[in-house]
Amino acid sequence: MNIIRFNVGDTLQMKKPHPCGSNEFRVLRVGSDVRVVCSGCGRDMTLPRVKLEKGIKKVVSSAIQ
């Protein structure tokens, strides 16, 4: 199992879109649970890290460069 590296402020592109139509989420908090906000509608969600990592297609932009 590969661990996907992402930090607070990163934008994640997901495999499936949110019901609003956007498939990009911004990371607000990282831990065993990850807090993300939808870039389209602004919905704030807290997801288990394992479930979130399965749904990530790629890390679009990184906050740390």
PDB file of N, CA and C in Angstrom:
ATOM      1  N   MET A   1       0.833  -1.171   0.000  1.00  0.00           N
ATOM      2  CA  MET A   1       0.000   0.000   0.000  1.00  0.00           C
ATOM      3  C   MET A   1       0.887   1.247   0.000  1.00  0.00           C
ATOM      4  N   ASN A   2       0.689   2.110  -0.984  1.00  0.00           N
ATOM      5  CA  ASN A   2       1.448   3.353  -1.064  1.00  0.00           C
ATOM      6  C   ASN A   2       0.756   4.437  -0.258  1.00  0.00           C
ATOM      7  N   ILE A   3       1.550   5.179   0.494  1.00  0.00           N
ATOM      8  CA  ILE A   3       1.024   6.300   1.256  1.00  0.00           C
ATOM      9  C   ILE A   3       1.160   7.538   0.385  1.00  0.00           C
ATOM     10  N   ILE A   4       0.060   8.227   0.149  1.00  0.00           N
ATOM     11  CA  ILE A   4       0.071   9.436  -0.656  1.00  0.00           C
ATOM     12  C   ILE A   4       0.421  10.604   0.260  1.00  0.00           C
ATOM     13  N   ARG A   5       1.444  11.368  -0.117  1.00  0.00           N
ATOM     14  CA  ARG A   5       1.889  12.502   0.689  1.00  0.00           C
ATOM     15  C   ARG A   5       1.135  13.757   0.285  1.00  0.00           C
ATOM     16  N   PHE A   6       0.473  14.364   1.243  1.00  0.00           N
ATOM     17  CA  PHE A   6      -0.156  15.661   1.041  1.00  0.00           C
ATOM     18  C   PHE A   6      -0.151  16.419   2.348  1.00  0.00           C
ATOM     19  N   ASN A   7      -0.172  17.738   2.251  1.00  0.00           N
ATOM     20  CA  ASN A   7      -0.076  18.623   3.412  1.00  0.00           C
ATOM     21  C   ASN A   7      -1.241  19.601   3.421  1.00  0.00           C
ATOM     22  N   VAL A   8      -1.343  20.357   4.492  1.00  0.00           N
ATOM     23  CA  VAL A   8      -2.362  21.398   4.601  1.00  0.00           C
ATOM     24  C   VAL A   8      -2.135  22.415   3.481  1.00  0.00           C
ATOM     25  N   GLY A   9      -3.207  22.761   2.778  1.00  0.00           N
ATOM     26  CA  GLY A   9      -3.130  23.719   1.686  1.00  0.00           C
ATOM     27  C   GLY A   9      -3.034  23.085   0.312  1.00  0.00           C
ATOM     28  N   ASP A  10      -2.764  21.781   0.241  1.00  0.00           N
ATOM     29  CA  ASP A  10      -2.688  21.090  -1.054  1.00  0.00           C
ATOM     30  C   ASP A  10      -4.074  20.959  -1.670  1.00  0.00           C
ATOM     31  N   THR A  11      -4.125  20.889  -2.994  1.00  0.00           N
ATOM     32  CA  THR A  11      -5.368  20.631  -3.718  1.00  0.00           C
ATOM     33  C   THR A  11      -5.318  19.206  -4.253  1.00  0.00           C
ATOM     34  N   LEU A  12      -6.361  18.433  -3.955  1.00  0.00           N
ATOM     35  CA  LEU A  12      -6.433  17.035  -4.365  1.00  0.00           C
ATOM     36  C   LEU A  12      -7.476  16.863  -5.460  1.00  0.00           C
ATOM     37  N   GLN A  13      -7.135  16.106  -6.491  1.00  0.00           N
ATOM     38  CA  GLN A  13      -8.109  15.756  -7.529  1.00  0.00           C
ATOM     39  C   GLN A  13      -8.588  14.346  -7.214  1.00  0.00           C
ATOM     40  N   MET A  14      -9.907  14.196  -7.087  1.00  0.00           N
ATOM     41  CA  MET A  14     -10.490  12.918  -6.713  1.00  0.00           C
ATOM     42  C   MET A  14     -10.943  12.141  -7.948  1.00  0.00           C
ATOM     43  N   LYS A  15     -11.101  10.818  -7.791  1.00  0.00           N
ATOM     44  CA  LYS A  15     -11.561   9.964  -8.887  1.00  0.00           C
ATOM     45  C   LYS A  15     -13.019  10.244  -9.231  1.00  0.00           C
ATOM     46  N   LYS A  16     -13.851  10.436  -8.216  1.00  0.00           N
ATOM     47  CA  LYS A  16     -15.269  10.711  -8.424  1.00  0.00           C
ATOM     48  C   LYS A  16     -15.581  12.149  -8.029  1.00  0.00           C
ATOM     49  N   PRO A  17     -16.439  12.817  -8.783  1.00  0.00           N
ATOM     50  CA  PRO A  17     -16.768  14.204  -8.431  1.00  0.00           C
ATOM     51  C   PRO A  17     -17.726  14.293  -7.243  1.00  0.00           C
ATOM     52  N   HIS A  18     -17.702  15.437  -6.586  1.00  0.00           N
ATOM     53  CA  HIS A  18     -18.645  15.767  -5.528  1.00  0.00           C
ATOM     54  C   HIS A  18     -20.011  15.985  -6.199  1.00  0.00           C
ATOM     55  N   PRO A  19     -21.123  15.835  -5.508  1.00  0.00           N
ATOM     56  CA  PRO A  19     -22.433  16.067  -6.135  1.00  0.00           C
ATOM     57  C   PRO A  19     -22.588  17.437  -6.803  1.00  0.00           C
ATOM     58  N   CYS A  20     -21.804  18.430  -6.396  1.00  0.00           N
ATOM     59  CA  CYS A  20     -21.889  19.761  -7.025  1.00  0.00           C
ATOM     60  C   CYS A  20     -21.221  19.776  -8.397  1.00  0.00           C
ATOM     61  N   GLY A  21     -20.422  18.746  -8.713  1.00  0.00           N
ATOM     62  CA  GLY A  21     -19.776  18.654 -10.020  1.00  0.00           C
ATOM     63  C   GLY A  21     -18.269  18.846  -9.986  1.00  0.00           C
ATOM     64  N   SER A  22     -17.731  19.404  -8.919  1.00  0.00           N
ATOM     65  CA  SER A  22     -16.292  19.626  -8.801  1.00  0.00           C
ATOM     66  C   SER A  22     -15.611  18.360  -8.274  1.00  0.00           C
ATOM     67  N   ASN A  23     -14.396  18.082  -8.770  1.00  0.00           N
ATOM     68  CA  ASN A  23     -13.660  16.931  -8.243  1.00  0.00           C
ATOM     69  C   ASN A  23     -12.353  17.366  -7.577  1.00  0.00           C
ATOM     70  N   GLU A  24     -12.255  18.652  -7.203  1.00  0.00           N
ATOM     71  CA  GLU A  24     -11.066  19.147  -6.513  1.00  0.00           C
ATOM     72  C   GLU A  24     -11.415  19.574  -5.087  1.00  0.00           C
ATOM     73  N   PHE A  25     -10.537  19.191  -4.161  1.00  0.00           N
ATOM     74  CA  PHE A  25     -10.720  19.490  -2.748  1.00  0.00           C
ATOM     75  C   PHE A  25      -9.426  20.067  -2.193  1.00  0.00           C
ATOM     76  N   ARG A  26      -9.539  21.016  -1.267  1.00  0.00           N
ATOM     77  CA  ARG A  26      -8.387  21.622  -0.609  1.00  0.00           C
ATOM     78  C   ARG A  26      -8.278  21.046   0.797  1.00  0.00           C
ATOM     79  N   VAL A  27      -7.072  20.687   1.219  1.00  0.00           N
ATOM     80  CA  VAL A  27      -6.820  20.077   2.529  1.00  0.00           C
ATOM     81  C   VAL A  27      -6.726  21.165   3.588  1.00  0.00           C
ATOM     82  N   LEU A  28      -7.537  21.012   4.653  1.00  0.00           N
ATOM     83  CA  LEU A  28      -7.530  21.958   5.769  1.00  0.00           C
ATOM     84  C   LEU A  28      -6.794  21.410   6.987  1.00  0.00           C
ATOM     85  N   ARG A  29      -6.886  20.083   7.225  1.00  0.00           N
ATOM     86  CA  ARG A  29      -6.258  19.467   8.397  1.00  0.00           C
ATOM     87  C   ARG A  29      -5.834  18.059   8.039  1.00  0.00           C
ATOM     88  N   VAL A  30      -4.679  17.635   8.537  1.00  0.00           N
ATOM     89  CA  VAL A  30      -4.144  16.307   8.248  1.00  0.00           C
ATOM     90  C   VAL A  30      -3.929  15.562   9.558  1.00  0.00           C
ATOM     91  N   GLY A  31      -4.283  14.291   9.562  1.00  0.00           N
ATOM     92  CA  GLY A  31      -4.103  13.416  10.717  1.00  0.00           C
ATOM     93  C   GLY A  31      -4.682  12.060  10.364  1.00  0.00           C
ATOM     94  N   SER A  32      -5.166  11.314  11.358  1.00  0.00           N
ATOM     95  CA  SER A  32      -5.822  10.043  11.044  1.00  0.00           C
ATOM     96  C   SER A  32      -7.141  10.304  10.333  1.00  0.00           C
ATOM     97  N   ASP A  33      -7.751  11.459  10.625  1.00  0.00           N
ATOM     98  CA  ASP A  33      -8.888  11.967   9.864  1.00  0.00           C
ATOM     99  C   ASP A  33      -8.391  13.210   9.128  1.00  0.00           C
ATOM    100  N   VAL A  34      -8.845  13.374   7.883  1.00  0.00           N
ATOM    101  CA  VAL A  34      -8.410  14.507   7.072  1.00  0.00           C
ATOM    102  C   VAL A  34      -9.612  15.401   6.814  1.00  0.00           C
ATOM    103  N   ARG A  35      -9.431  16.699   7.052  1.00  0.00           N
ATOM    104  CA  ARG A  35     -10.504  17.660   6.814  1.00  0.00           C
ATOM    105  C   ARG A  35     -10.248  18.345   5.476  1.00  0.00           C
ATOM    106  N   VAL A  36     -11.225  18.277   4.574  1.00  0.00           N
ATOM    107  CA  VAL A  36     -11.112  18.866   3.245  1.00  0.00           C
ATOM    108  C   VAL A  36     -12.322  19.751   2.970  1.00  0.00           C
ATOM    109  N   VAL A  37     -12.156  20.695   2.044  1.00  0.00           N
ATOM    110  CA  VAL A  37     -13.250  21.554   1.624  1.00  0.00           C
ATOM    111  C   VAL A  37     -13.346  21.471   0.101  1.00  0.00           C
ATOM    112  N   CYS A  38     -14.574  21.354  -0.404  1.00  0.00           N
ATOM    113  CA  CYS A  38     -14.824  21.263  -1.839  1.00  0.00           C
ATOM    114  C   CYS A  38     -14.509  22.610  -2.490  1.00  0.00           C
ATOM    115  N   SER A  39     -13.795  22.584  -3.596  1.00  0.00           N
ATOM    116  CA  SER A  39     -13.450  23.816  -4.310  1.00  0.00           C
ATOM    117  C   SER A  39     -14.642  24.395  -5.061  1.00  0.00           C
ATOM    118  N   GLY A  40     -15.647  23.580  -5.333  1.00  0.00           N
ATOM    119  CA  GLY A  40     -16.812  24.049  -6.071  1.00  0.00           C
ATOM    120  C   GLY A  40     -17.847  24.729  -5.201  1.00  0.00           C
ATOM    121  N   CYS A  41     -18.345  24.020  -4.185  1.00  0.00           N
ATOM    122  CA  CYS A  41     -19.451  24.542  -3.377  1.00  0.00           C
ATOM    123  C   CYS A  41     -19.040  24.991  -1.977  1.00  0.00           C
ATOM    124  N   GLY A  42     -17.821  24.651  -1.543  1.00  0.00           N
ATOM    125  CA  GLY A  42     -17.354  25.066  -0.226  1.00  0.00           C
ATOM    126  C   GLY A  42     -17.752  24.146   0.916  1.00  0.00           C
ATOM    127  N   ARG A  43     -18.291  22.978   0.603  1.00  0.00           N
ATOM    128  CA  ARG A  43     -18.693  22.008   1.628  1.00  0.00           C
ATOM    129  C   ARG A  43     -17.463  21.524   2.382  1.00  0.00           C
ATOM    130  N   ASP A  44     -17.551  21.511   3.704  1.00  0.00           N
ATOM    131  CA  ASP A  44     -16.465  21.117   4.588  1.00  0.00           C
ATOM    132  C   ASP A  44     -16.722  19.690   5.068  1.00  0.00           C
ATOM    133  N   MET A  45     -15.749  18.780   4.877  1.00  0.00           N
ATOM    134  CA  MET A  45     -15.927  17.372   5.250  1.00  0.00           C
ATOM    135  C   MET A  45     -14.711  16.864   6.012  1.00  0.00           C
ATOM    136  N   THR A  46     -14.950  15.961   6.940  1.00  0.00           N
ATOM    137  CA  THR A  46     -13.891  15.240   7.638  1.00  0.00           C
ATOM    138  C   THR A  46     -14.031  13.772   7.263  1.00  0.00           C
ATOM    139  N   LEU A  47     -12.963  13.220   6.662  1.00  0.00           N
ATOM    140  CA  LEU A  47     -12.978  11.836   6.177  1.00  0.00           C
ATOM    141  C   LEU A  47     -11.836  11.049   6.804  1.00  0.00           C
ATOM    142  N   PRO A  48     -12.034   9.743   7.023  1.00  0.00           N
ATOM    143  CA  PRO A  48     -10.910   8.915   7.464  1.00  0.00           C
ATOM    144  C   PRO A  48      -9.814   8.919   6.402  1.00  0.00           C
ATOM    145  N   ARG A  49      -8.568   8.985   6.815  1.00  0.00           N
ATOM    146  CA  ARG A  49      -7.443   9.080   5.886  1.00  0.00           C
ATOM    147  C   ARG A  49      -7.422   7.918   4.892  1.00  0.00           C
ATOM    148  N   VAL A  50      -7.711   6.710   5.345  1.00  0.00           N
ATOM    149  CA  VAL A  50      -7.687   5.529   4.475  1.00  0.00           C
ATOM    150  C   VAL A  50      -8.702   5.668   3.345  1.00  0.00           C
ATOM    151  N   LYS A  51      -9.919   6.108   3.675  1.00  0.00           N
ATOM    152  CA  LYS A  51     -10.964   6.277   2.666  1.00  0.00           C
ATOM    153  C   LYS A  51     -10.597   7.388   1.677  1.00  0.00           C
ATOM    154  N   LEU A  52     -10.040   8.489   2.185  1.00  0.00           N
ATOM    155  CA  LEU A  52      -9.650   9.597   1.320  1.00  0.00           C
ATOM    156  C   LEU A  52      -8.534   9.185   0.361  1.00  0.00           C
ATOM    157  N   GLU A  53      -7.524   8.465   0.858  1.00  0.00           N
ATOM    158  CA  GLU A  53      -6.401   8.049   0.016  1.00  0.00           C
ATOM    159  C   GLU A  53      -6.849   7.135  -1.120  1.00  0.00           C
ATOM    160  N   LYS A  54      -7.854   6.317  -0.902  1.00  0.00           N
ATOM    161  CA  LYS A  54      -8.365   5.440  -1.960  1.00  0.00           C
ATOM    162  C   LYS A  54      -9.031   6.228  -3.080  1.00  0.00           C
ATOM    163  N   GLY A  55      -9.597   7.402  -2.751  1.00  0.00           N
ATOM    164  CA  GLY A  55     -10.314   8.197  -3.730  1.00  0.00           C
ATOM    165  C   GLY A  55      -9.483   9.236  -4.459  1.00  0.00           C
ATOM    166  N   ILE A  56      -8.206   9.412  -4.055  1.00  0.00           N
ATOM    167  CA  ILE A  56      -7.372  10.439  -4.677  1.00  0.00           C
ATOM    168  C   ILE A  56      -6.843   9.965  -6.024  1.00  0.00           C
ATOM    169  N   LYS A  57      -7.019  10.815  -7.035  1.00  0.00           N
ATOM    170  CA  LYS A  57      -6.459  10.555  -8.352  1.00  0.00           C
ATOM    171  C   LYS A  57      -5.036  11.105  -8.415  1.00  0.00           C
ATOM    172  N   LYS A  58      -4.868  12.384  -7.996  1.00  0.00           N
ATOM    173  CA  LYS A  58      -3.531  12.980  -7.931  1.00  0.00           C
ATOM    174  C   LYS A  58      -3.566  14.239  -7.075  1.00  0.00           C
ATOM    175  N   VAL A  59      -2.384  14.656  -6.643  1.00  0.00           N
ATOM    176  CA  VAL A  59      -2.217  15.910  -5.924  1.00  0.00           C
ATOM    177  C   VAL A  59      -1.955  16.978  -6.982  1.00  0.00           C
ATOM    178  N   VAL A  60      -2.912  17.882  -7.194  1.00  0.00           N
ATOM    179  CA  VAL A  60      -2.827  18.873  -8.270  1.00  0.00           C
ATOM    180  C   VAL A  60      -1.788  19.943  -7.953  1.00  0.00           C
ATOM    181  N   SER A  61      -1.918  20.589  -6.809  1.00  0.00           N
ATOM    182  CA  SER A  61      -0.946  21.619  -6.438  1.00  0.00           C
ATOM    183  C   SER A  61      -0.524  21.397  -4.998  1.00  0.00           C
ATOM    184  N   SER A  62       0.727  21.651  -4.756  1.00  0.00           N
ATOM    185  CA  SER A  62       1.290  21.453  -3.430  1.00  0.00           C
ATOM    186  C   SER A  62       1.540  22.802  -2.784  1.00  0.00           C
ATOM    187  N   ALA A  63       1.223  22.923  -1.505  1.00  0.00           N
ATOM    188  CA  ALA A  63       1.429  24.176  -0.778  1.00  0.00           C
ATOM    189  C   ALA A  63       2.910  24.414  -0.520  1.00  0.00           C
ATOM    190  N   ILE A  64       3.671  23.347  -0.293  1.00  0.00           N
ATOM    191  CA  ILE A  64       5.107  23.453  -0.020  1.00  0.00           C
ATOM    192  C   ILE A  64       5.852  23.165  -1.309  1.00  0.00           C
ATOM    193  N   GLN A  65       6.694  24.108  -1.730  1.00  0.00           N
ATOM    194  CA  GLN A  65       7.430  23.911  -2.979  1.00  0.00           C
ATOM    195  C   GLN A  65       8.894  24.114  -2.808  1.00  0.00           C
TER     196      GLN A  65
END
